[in-house]
PDB file of N, CA and C in Angstrom:
ATOM      1  N   UNK A   1     -14.015   0.498  -5.548  1.00  0.00           N
ATOM      2  CA  UNK A   1     -13.644  -0.466  -6.615  1.00  0.00           C
ATOM      3  C   UNK A   1     -12.167  -0.763  -6.486  1.00  0.00           C
ATOM      4  N   UNK A   2     -11.829  -2.004  -6.722  1.00  0.00           N
ATOM      5  CA  UNK A   2     -10.380  -2.444  -6.704  1.00  0.00           C
ATOM      6  C   UNK A   2      -9.923  -2.596  -8.082  1.00  0.00           C
ATOM      7  N   UNK A   3      -8.668  -2.050  -8.354  1.00  0.00           N
ATOM      8  CA  UNK A   3      -8.171  -2.074  -9.698  1.00  0.00           C
ATOM      9  C   UNK A   3      -6.715  -2.689  -9.626  1.00  0.00           C
ATOM     10  N   UNK A   4      -6.301  -3.265 -10.714  1.00  0.00           N
ATOM     11  CA  UNK A   4      -4.938  -3.750 -10.930  1.00  0.00           C
ATOM     12  C   UNK A   4      -4.271  -2.715 -11.857  1.00  0.00           C
ATOM     13  N   UNK A   5      -3.191  -2.054 -11.369  1.00  0.00           N
ATOM     14  CA  UNK A   5      -2.609  -0.981 -12.179  1.00  0.00           C
ATOM     15  C   UNK A   5      -1.135  -0.971 -11.887  1.00  0.00           C
ATOM     16  N   UNK A   6      -0.462  -0.034 -12.683  1.00  0.00           N
ATOM     17  CA  UNK A   6       0.960   0.155 -12.491  1.00  0.00           C
ATOM     18  C   UNK A   6       1.238   1.263 -11.475  1.00  0.00           C
ATOM     19  N   UNK A   7       2.288   1.080 -10.735  1.00  0.00           N
ATOM     20  CA  UNK A   7       2.755   2.071  -9.764  1.00  0.00           C
ATOM     21  C   UNK A   7       4.201   2.370 -10.128  1.00  0.00           C
ATOM     22  N   UNK A   8       4.580   3.600 -10.488  1.00  0.00           N
ATOM     23  CA  UNK A   8       5.913   3.944 -10.931  1.00  0.00           C
ATOM     24  C   UNK A   8       6.911   4.075  -9.876  1.00  0.00           C
ATOM     25  N   UNK A   9       8.087   3.465 -10.129  1.00  0.00           N
ATOM     26  CA  UNK A   9       9.236   3.595  -9.357  1.00  0.00           C
ATOM     27  C   UNK A   9      10.423   3.927 -10.158  1.00  0.00           C
ATOM     28  N   UNK A  10      11.615   3.692  -9.709  1.00  0.00           N
ATOM     29  CA  UNK A  10      12.839   4.006 -10.476  1.00  0.00           C
ATOM     30  C   UNK A  10      13.239   5.445 -10.293  1.00  0.00           C
ATOM     31  N   UNK A  11      14.088   5.887 -11.220  1.00  0.00           N
ATOM     32  CA  UNK A  11      14.538   7.255 -11.163  1.00  0.00           C
ATOM     33  C   UNK A  11      14.190   7.985 -12.435  1.00  0.00           C
ATOM     34  N   UNK A  12      14.584   9.205 -12.535  1.00  0.00           N
ATOM     35  CA  UNK A  12      14.353   9.984 -13.714  1.00  0.00           C
ATOM     36  C   UNK A  12      15.012   9.314 -14.927  1.00  0.00           C
ATOM     37  N   UNK A  13      14.190   9.208 -15.961  1.00  0.00           N
ATOM     38  CA  UNK A  13      14.597   8.524 -17.250  1.00  0.00           C
ATOM     39  C   UNK A  13      14.965   7.016 -17.101  1.00  0.00           C
ATOM     40  N   UNK A  14      14.664   6.428 -15.917  1.00  0.00           N
ATOM     41  CA  UNK A  14      14.870   4.985 -15.751  1.00  0.00           C
ATOM     42  C   UNK A  14      13.695   4.424 -15.051  1.00  0.00           C
ATOM     43  N   UNK A  15      12.545   4.307 -15.783  1.00  0.00           N
ATOM     44  CA  UNK A  15      11.229   3.885 -15.153  1.00  0.00           C
ATOM     45  C   UNK A  15      11.274   2.417 -14.724  1.00  0.00           C
ATOM     46  N   UNK A  16      10.565   2.130 -13.690  1.00  0.00           N
ATOM     47  CA  UNK A  16      10.353   0.754 -13.221  1.00  0.00           C
ATOM     48  C   UNK A  16       8.982   0.725 -12.615  1.00  0.00           C
ATOM     49  N   UNK A  17       8.187  -0.203 -12.960  1.00  0.00           N
ATOM     50  CA  UNK A  17       6.759  -0.197 -12.549  1.00  0.00           C
ATOM     51  C   UNK A  17       6.484  -1.491 -11.771  1.00  0.00           C
ATOM     52  N   UNK A  18       5.706  -1.319 -10.622  1.00  0.00           N
ATOM     53  CA  UNK A  18       5.182  -2.403  -9.859  1.00  0.00           C
ATOM     54  C   UNK A  18       3.764  -2.613 -10.297  1.00  0.00           C
ATOM     55  N   UNK A  19       3.385  -3.858 -10.487  1.00  0.00           N
ATOM     56  CA  UNK A  19       1.964  -4.163 -10.836  1.00  0.00           C
ATOM     57  C   UNK A  19       1.289  -4.422  -9.430  1.00  0.00           C
ATOM     58  N   UNK A  20       0.303  -3.518  -9.131  1.00  0.00           N
ATOM     59  CA  UNK A  20      -0.260  -3.539  -7.754  1.00  0.00           C
ATOM     60  C   UNK A  20      -1.796  -3.625  -7.810  1.00  0.00           C
ATOM     61  N   UNK A  21      -2.332  -4.157  -6.756  1.00  0.00           N
ATOM     62  CA  UNK A  21      -3.853  -4.160  -6.537  1.00  0.00           C
ATOM     63  C   UNK A  21      -4.070  -3.083  -5.626  1.00  0.00           C
ATOM     64  N   UNK A  22      -4.924  -2.078  -5.994  1.00  0.00           N
ATOM     65  CA  UNK A  22      -5.183  -0.878  -5.191  1.00  0.00           C
ATOM     66  C   UNK A  22      -6.633  -0.489  -5.231  1.00  0.00           C
ATOM     67  N   UNK A  23      -7.038   0.347  -4.283  1.00  0.00           N
ATOM     68  CA  UNK A  23      -8.355   0.998  -4.313  1.00  0.00           C
ATOM     69  C   UNK A  23      -8.285   2.069  -5.373  1.00  0.00           C
ATOM     70  N   UNK A  24      -9.329   2.199  -6.226  1.00  0.00           N
ATOM     71  CA  UNK A  24      -9.262   3.158  -7.337  1.00  0.00           C
ATOM     72  C   UNK A  24      -9.091   4.604  -6.868  1.00  0.00           C
ATOM     73  N   UNK A  25      -9.537   4.890  -5.658  1.00  0.00           N
ATOM     74  CA  UNK A  25      -9.520   6.304  -5.171  1.00  0.00           C
ATOM     75  C   UNK A  25      -8.155   6.712  -4.665  1.00  0.00           C
ATOM     76  N   UNK A  26      -7.220   5.765  -4.569  1.00  0.00           N
ATOM     77  CA  UNK A  26      -5.893   6.133  -4.012  1.00  0.00           C
ATOM     78  C   UNK A  26      -5.024   6.537  -5.196  1.00  0.00           C
ATOM     79  N   UNK A  27      -4.097   7.508  -4.944  1.00  0.00           N
ATOM     80  CA  UNK A  27      -3.253   8.011  -5.995  1.00  0.00           C
ATOM     81  C   UNK A  27      -2.333   6.957  -6.579  1.00  0.00           C
ATOM     82  N   UNK A  28      -1.783   7.233  -7.741  1.00  0.00           N
ATOM     83  CA  UNK A  28      -1.062   6.252  -8.525  1.00  0.00           C
ATOM     84  C   UNK A  28       0.047   5.535  -7.727  1.00  0.00           C
ATOM     85  N   UNK A  29       0.948   6.270  -7.099  1.00  0.00           N
ATOM     86  CA  UNK A  29       2.035   5.705  -6.274  1.00  0.00           C
ATOM     87  C   UNK A  29       1.771   5.571  -4.836  1.00  0.00           C
ATOM     88  N   UNK A  30       0.489   5.730  -4.407  1.00  0.00           N
ATOM     89  CA  UNK A  30       0.173   5.673  -3.023  1.00  0.00           C
ATOM     90  C   UNK A  30       0.043   4.249  -2.512  1.00  0.00           C
ATOM     91  N   UNK A  31      -0.818   4.187  -1.456  1.00  0.00           N
ATOM     92  CA  UNK A  31      -1.056   2.945  -0.746  1.00  0.00           C
ATOM     93  C   UNK A  31      -1.658   1.876  -1.687  1.00  0.00           C
ATOM     94  N   UNK A  32      -1.251   0.593  -1.516  1.00  0.00           N
ATOM     95  CA  UNK A  32      -1.809  -0.454  -2.306  1.00  0.00           C
ATOM     96  C   UNK A  32      -2.118  -1.648  -1.396  1.00  0.00           C
ATOM     97  N   UNK A  33      -2.932  -2.554  -1.890  1.00  0.00           N
ATOM     98  CA  UNK A  33      -3.349  -3.750  -1.114  1.00  0.00           C
ATOM     99  C   UNK A  33      -2.325  -4.809  -1.251  1.00  0.00           C
ATOM    100  N   UNK A  34      -1.844  -5.080  -2.484  1.00  0.00           N
ATOM    101  CA  UNK A  34      -0.850  -6.157  -2.707  1.00  0.00           C
ATOM    102  C   UNK A  34      -0.097  -5.874  -3.993  1.00  0.00           C
ATOM    103  N   UNK A  35       1.162  -6.268  -3.953  1.00  0.00           N
ATOM    104  CA  UNK A  35       2.013  -6.171  -5.169  1.00  0.00           C
ATOM    105  C   UNK A  35       2.139  -7.550  -5.791  1.00  0.00           C
ATOM    106  N   UNK A  36       1.693  -7.663  -7.064  1.00  0.00           N
ATOM    107  CA  UNK A  36       1.594  -8.962  -7.703  1.00  0.00           C
ATOM    108  C   UNK A  36       2.572  -9.142  -8.813  1.00  0.00           C
ATOM    109  N   UNK A  37       3.437  -8.120  -9.058  1.00  0.00           N
ATOM    110  CA  UNK A  37       4.407  -8.308 -10.157  1.00  0.00           C
ATOM    111  C   UNK A  37       5.149  -7.032 -10.474  1.00  0.00           C
ATOM    112  N   UNK A  38       5.986  -7.054 -11.521  1.00  0.00           N
ATOM    113  CA  UNK A  38       6.649  -5.855 -11.902  1.00  0.00           C
ATOM    114  C   UNK A  38       6.812  -5.840 -13.383  1.00  0.00           C
ATOM    115  N   UNK A  39       7.151  -4.645 -13.897  1.00  0.00           N
ATOM    116  CA  UNK A  39       7.412  -4.454 -15.357  1.00  0.00           C
ATOM    117  C   UNK A  39       8.583  -3.526 -15.487  1.00  0.00           C
ATOM    118  N   UNK A  40       9.589  -3.920 -16.192  1.00  0.00           N
ATOM    119  CA  UNK A  40      10.842  -3.125 -16.389  1.00  0.00           C
ATOM    120  C   UNK A  40      10.878  -2.883 -17.906  1.00  0.00           C
ATOM    121  N   UNK A  41      10.441  -1.681 -18.357  1.00  0.00           N
ATOM    122  CA  UNK A  41      10.381  -1.440 -19.847  1.00  0.00           C
ATOM    123  C   UNK A  41      11.872  -1.333 -20.447  1.00  0.00           C
ATOM    124  N   UNK A  42      12.884  -1.129 -19.624  1.00  0.00           N
ATOM    125  CA  UNK A  42      14.190  -0.944 -20.124  1.00  0.00           C
ATOM    126  C   UNK A  42      15.101  -2.186 -19.973  1.00  0.00           C
ATOM    127  N   UNK A  43      14.450  -3.334 -19.720  1.00  0.00           N
ATOM    128  CA  UNK A  43      15.190  -4.612 -19.561  1.00  0.00           C
ATOM    129  C   UNK A  43      15.946  -4.987 -20.844  1.00  0.00           C
ATOM    130  N   UNK A  44      17.144  -5.294 -20.686  1.00  0.00           N
ATOM    131  CA  UNK A  44      17.990  -5.718 -21.841  1.00  0.00           C
ATOM    132  C   UNK A  44      18.634  -7.056 -21.597  1.00  0.00           C
ATOM    133  N   UNK A  45      18.897  -7.790 -22.680  1.00  0.00           N
ATOM    134  CA  UNK A  45      19.630  -8.996 -22.576  1.00  0.00           C
ATOM    135  C   UNK A  45      18.940 -10.048 -21.718  1.00  0.00           C
ATOM    136  N   UNK A  46      19.703 -10.509 -20.720  1.00  0.00           N
ATOM    137  CA  UNK A  46      19.148 -11.592 -19.846  1.00  0.00           C
ATOM    138  C   UNK A  46      18.278 -11.087 -18.699  1.00  0.00           C
ATOM    139  N   UNK A  47      18.028  -9.817 -18.627  1.00  0.00           N
ATOM    140  CA  UNK A  47      17.265  -9.243 -17.521  1.00  0.00           C
ATOM    141  C   UNK A  47      15.763  -9.600 -17.696  1.00  0.00           C
ATOM    142  N   UNK A  48      15.027  -9.852 -16.607  1.00  0.00           N
ATOM    143  CA  UNK A  48      13.637 -10.146 -16.649  1.00  0.00           C
ATOM    144  C   UNK A  48      12.903  -8.876 -16.751  1.00  0.00           C
ATOM    145  N   UNK A  49      12.059  -8.705 -17.785  1.00  0.00           N
ATOM    146  CA  UNK A  49      11.326  -7.490 -17.950  1.00  0.00           C
ATOM    147  C   UNK A  49       9.952  -7.478 -17.394  1.00  0.00           C
ATOM    148  N   UNK A  50       9.360  -8.632 -17.245  1.00  0.00           N
ATOM    149  CA  UNK A  50       7.979  -8.710 -16.795  1.00  0.00           C
ATOM    150  C   UNK A  50       7.824  -9.944 -15.924  1.00  0.00           C
ATOM    151  N   UNK A  51       7.162  -9.769 -14.692  1.00  0.00           N
ATOM    152  CA  UNK A  51       6.769 -10.931 -13.939  1.00  0.00           C
ATOM    153  C   UNK A  51       5.439 -10.597 -13.246  1.00  0.00           C
ATOM    154  N   UNK A  52       4.493 -11.612 -13.416  1.00  0.00           N
ATOM    155  CA  UNK A  52       3.219 -11.481 -12.783  1.00  0.00           C
ATOM    156  C   UNK A  52       2.907 -12.764 -12.129  1.00  0.00           C
ATOM    157  N   UNK A  53       2.461 -12.613 -10.858  1.00  0.00           N
ATOM    158  CA  UNK A  53       2.055 -13.845 -10.102  1.00  0.00           C
ATOM    159  C   UNK A  53       0.668 -14.272 -10.580  1.00  0.00           C
ATOM    160  N   UNK A  54       0.605 -15.254 -11.487  1.00  0.00           N
ATOM    161  CA  UNK A  54      -0.648 -15.680 -12.080  1.00  0.00           C
ATOM    162  C   UNK A  54      -1.703 -16.127 -11.098  1.00  0.00           C
ATOM    163  N   UNK A  55      -1.206 -16.803 -10.022  1.00  0.00           N
ATOM    164  CA  UNK A  55      -2.211 -17.210  -9.070  1.00  0.00           C
ATOM    165  C   UNK A  55      -2.887 -16.044  -8.326  1.00  0.00           C
ATOM    166  N   UNK A  56      -2.152 -15.039  -8.020  1.00  0.00           N
ATOM    167  CA  UNK A  56      -2.708 -13.869  -7.338  1.00  0.00           C
ATOM    168  C   UNK A  56      -3.585 -13.048  -8.313  1.00  0.00           C
ATOM    169  N   UNK A  57      -3.087 -12.954  -9.569  1.00  0.00           N
ATOM    170  CA  UNK A  57      -3.894 -12.260 -10.609  1.00  0.00           C
ATOM    171  C   UNK A  57      -5.257 -12.946 -10.738  1.00  0.00           C
ATOM    172  N   UNK A  58      -5.311 -14.297 -10.844  1.00  0.00           N
ATOM    173  CA  UNK A  58      -6.553 -15.022 -11.002  1.00  0.00           C
ATOM    174  C   UNK A  58      -7.441 -14.732  -9.778  1.00  0.00           C
ATOM    175  N   UNK A  59      -6.785 -14.719  -8.573  1.00  0.00           N
ATOM    176  CA  UNK A  59      -7.596 -14.496  -7.351  1.00  0.00           C
ATOM    177  C   UNK A  59      -8.266 -13.145  -7.349  1.00  0.00           C
ATOM    178  N   UNK A  60      -7.522 -12.070  -7.691  1.00  0.00           N
ATOM    179  CA  UNK A  60      -8.033 -10.705  -7.672  1.00  0.00           C
ATOM    180  C   UNK A  60      -9.126 -10.496  -8.712  1.00  0.00           C
ATOM    181  N   UNK A  61      -8.903 -11.029  -9.888  1.00  0.00           N
ATOM    182  CA  UNK A  61      -9.852 -10.940 -10.984  1.00  0.00           C
ATOM    183  C   UNK A  61     -11.139 -11.749 -10.614  1.00  0.00           C
ATOM    184  N   UNK A  62     -10.933 -12.845  -9.962  1.00  0.00           N
ATOM    185  CA  UNK A  62     -12.112 -13.576  -9.471  1.00  0.00           C
ATOM    186  C   UNK A  62     -12.949 -12.910  -8.411  1.00  0.00           C
ATOM    187  N   UNK A  63     -12.362 -12.024  -7.638  1.00  0.00           N
ATOM    188  CA  UNK A  63     -13.151 -11.322  -6.597  1.00  0.00           C
ATOM    189  C   UNK A  63     -13.647  -9.941  -7.092  1.00  0.00           C
ATOM    190  N   UNK A  64     -13.429  -9.667  -8.433  1.00  0.00           N
ATOM    191  CA  UNK A  64     -14.007  -8.452  -9.003  1.00  0.00           C
ATOM    192  C   UNK A  64     -13.030  -7.297  -9.314  1.00  0.00           C
ATOM    193  N   UNK A  65     -11.710  -7.486  -9.151  1.00  0.00           N
ATOM    194  CA  UNK A  65     -10.788  -6.435  -9.503  1.00  0.00           C
ATOM    195  C   UNK A  65     -10.704  -6.286 -11.020  1.00  0.00           C
ATOM    196  N   UNK A  66     -10.548  -5.069 -11.471  1.00  0.00           N
ATOM    197  CA  UNK A  66     -10.468  -4.770 -12.917  1.00  0.00           C
ATOM    198  C   UNK A  66      -9.098  -4.310 -13.204  1.00  0.00           C
ATOM    199  N   UNK A  67      -8.511  -4.811 -14.303  1.00  0.00           N
ATOM    200  CA  UNK A  67      -7.160  -4.403 -14.697  1.00  0.00           C
ATOM    201  C   UNK A  67      -7.261  -3.189 -15.549  1.00  0.00           C
ATOM    202  N   UNK A  68      -6.276  -2.306 -15.469  1.00  0.00           N
ATOM    203  CA  UNK A  68      -6.195  -1.141 -16.349  1.00  0.00           C
ATOM    204  C   UNK A  68      -5.888  -1.615 -17.732  1.00  0.00           C
ATOM    205  N   UNK A  69      -6.128  -0.715 -18.780  1.00  0.00           N
ATOM    206  CA  UNK A  69      -5.793  -1.136 -20.104  1.00  0.00           C
ATOM    207  C   UNK A  69      -4.303  -1.530 -20.325  1.00  0.00           C
ATOM    208  N   UNK A  70      -3.430  -0.781 -19.678  1.00  0.00           N
ATOM    209  CA  UNK A  70      -2.002  -1.126 -19.815  1.00  0.00           C
ATOM    210  C   UNK A  70      -1.701  -2.439 -19.170  1.00  0.00           C
ATOM    211  N   UNK A  71      -2.259  -2.748 -18.045  1.00  0.00           N
ATOM    212  CA  UNK A  71      -1.968  -4.030 -17.372  1.00  0.00           C
ATOM    213  C   UNK A  71      -2.604  -5.142 -18.179  1.00  0.00           C
ATOM    214  N   UNK A  72      -3.765  -4.917 -18.799  1.00  0.00           N
ATOM    215  CA  UNK A  72      -4.339  -5.949 -19.724  1.00  0.00           C
ATOM    216  C   UNK A  72      -3.326  -6.246 -20.809  1.00  0.00           C
ATOM    217  N   UNK A  73      -2.747  -5.237 -21.434  1.00  0.00           N
ATOM    218  CA  UNK A  73      -1.789  -5.492 -22.496  1.00  0.00           C
ATOM    219  C   UNK A  73      -0.588  -6.245 -21.988  1.00  0.00           C
ATOM    220  N   UNK A  74      -0.125  -5.953 -20.788  1.00  0.00           N
ATOM    221  CA  UNK A  74       1.062  -6.619 -20.223  1.00  0.00           C
ATOM    222  C   UNK A  74       0.701  -8.124 -19.854  1.00  0.00           C
ATOM    223  N   UNK A  75      -0.551  -8.322 -19.423  1.00  0.00           N
ATOM    224  CA  UNK A  75      -0.991  -9.722 -19.148  1.00  0.00           C
ATOM    225  C   UNK A  75      -0.967 -10.602 -20.431  1.00  0.00           C
ATOM    226  N   UNK A  76      -1.447  -9.999 -21.513  1.00  0.00           N
ATOM    227  CA  UNK A  76      -1.459 -10.700 -22.791  1.00  0.00           C
ATOM    228  C   UNK A  76       0.024 -10.919 -23.257  1.00  0.00           C
ATOM    229  N   UNK A  77       0.851  -9.936 -23.101  1.00  0.00           N
ATOM    230  CA  UNK A  77       2.243  -9.981 -23.505  1.00  0.00           C
ATOM    231  C   UNK A  77       2.968 -11.130 -22.687  1.00  0.00           C
ATOM    232  N   UNK A  78       2.683 -11.142 -21.381  1.00  0.00           N
ATOM    233  CA  UNK A  78       3.234 -12.190 -20.503  1.00  0.00           C
ATOM    234  C   UNK A  78       2.814 -13.530 -20.856  1.00  0.00           C
ATOM    235  N   UNK A  79       1.503 -13.716 -21.157  1.00  0.00           N
ATOM    236  CA  UNK A  79       0.975 -14.962 -21.506  1.00  0.00           C
ATOM    237  C   UNK A  79       1.571 -15.539 -22.837  1.00  0.00           C
ATOM    238  N   UNK A  80       1.847 -14.616 -23.757  1.00  0.00           N
ATOM    239  CA  UNK A  80       2.410 -14.997 -25.102  1.00  0.00           C
ATOM    240  C   UNK A  80       3.847 -15.468 -24.870  1.00  0.00           C
ATOM    241  N   UNK A  81       4.610 -14.755 -23.996  1.00  0.00           N
ATOM    242  CA  UNK A  81       6.013 -14.982 -23.774  1.00  0.00           C
ATOM    243  C   UNK A  81       6.245 -16.240 -22.834  1.00  0.00           C
ATOM    244  N   UNK A  82       5.323 -16.545 -22.037  1.00  0.00           N
ATOM    245  CA  UNK A  82       5.483 -17.658 -21.098  1.00  0.00           C
ATOM    246  C   UNK A  82       5.443 -18.986 -21.811  1.00  0.00           C
ATOM    247  N   UNK A  83       6.435 -19.898 -21.406  1.00  0.00           N
ATOM    248  CA  UNK A  83       6.476 -21.177 -22.056  1.00  0.00           C
ATOM    249  C   UNK A  83       5.277 -22.050 -21.559  1.00  0.00           C
ATOM    250  N   UNK A  84       4.824 -22.825 -22.523  1.00  0.00           N
ATOM    251  CA  UNK A  84       3.669 -23.771 -22.142  1.00  0.00           C
ATOM    252  C   UNK A  84       4.213 -25.003 -21.537  1.00  0.00           C
ATOM    253  N   UNK A  85       3.790 -25.273 -20.359  1.00  0.00           N
ATOM    254  CA  UNK A  85       4.262 -26.587 -19.631  1.00  0.00           C
ATOM    255  C   UNK A  85       3.136 -27.614 -19.736  1.00  0.00           C
ATOM    256  N   UNK A  86       3.476 -28.737 -20.351  1.00  0.00           N
ATOM    257  CA  UNK A  86       2.484 -29.790 -20.575  1.00  0.00           C
ATOM    258  C   UNK A  86       2.627 -30.957 -19.562  1.00  0.00           C
TER     259      UNK A  86
END
C-alpha cells in the first residue's frame, strides 16, 4: 500500500518535515517514491510553513494512496490558508 506521510528532518529541537509518498512497509525516514511538499512547524514571520504540490497530491490520491491523519490535517490547513483564485 502507498501512503502519504511525514518524513522528519532538521536537527534536535528544530523539526522539519517533508511530505512524501512512500510504501507503507518502509521506515519513517527511509526510502520514498516522491516528495510532494514540506511542513515547517517552527516557521515565523514571513517564512513559508507549509507547501503541498496540489497536482501531485491529486494524482497520488487518484491512484489509491492514502494520507496519514496528520497529513490529512495539514491538507485541510493548507486549503484553508490558500487564497482562492477566480
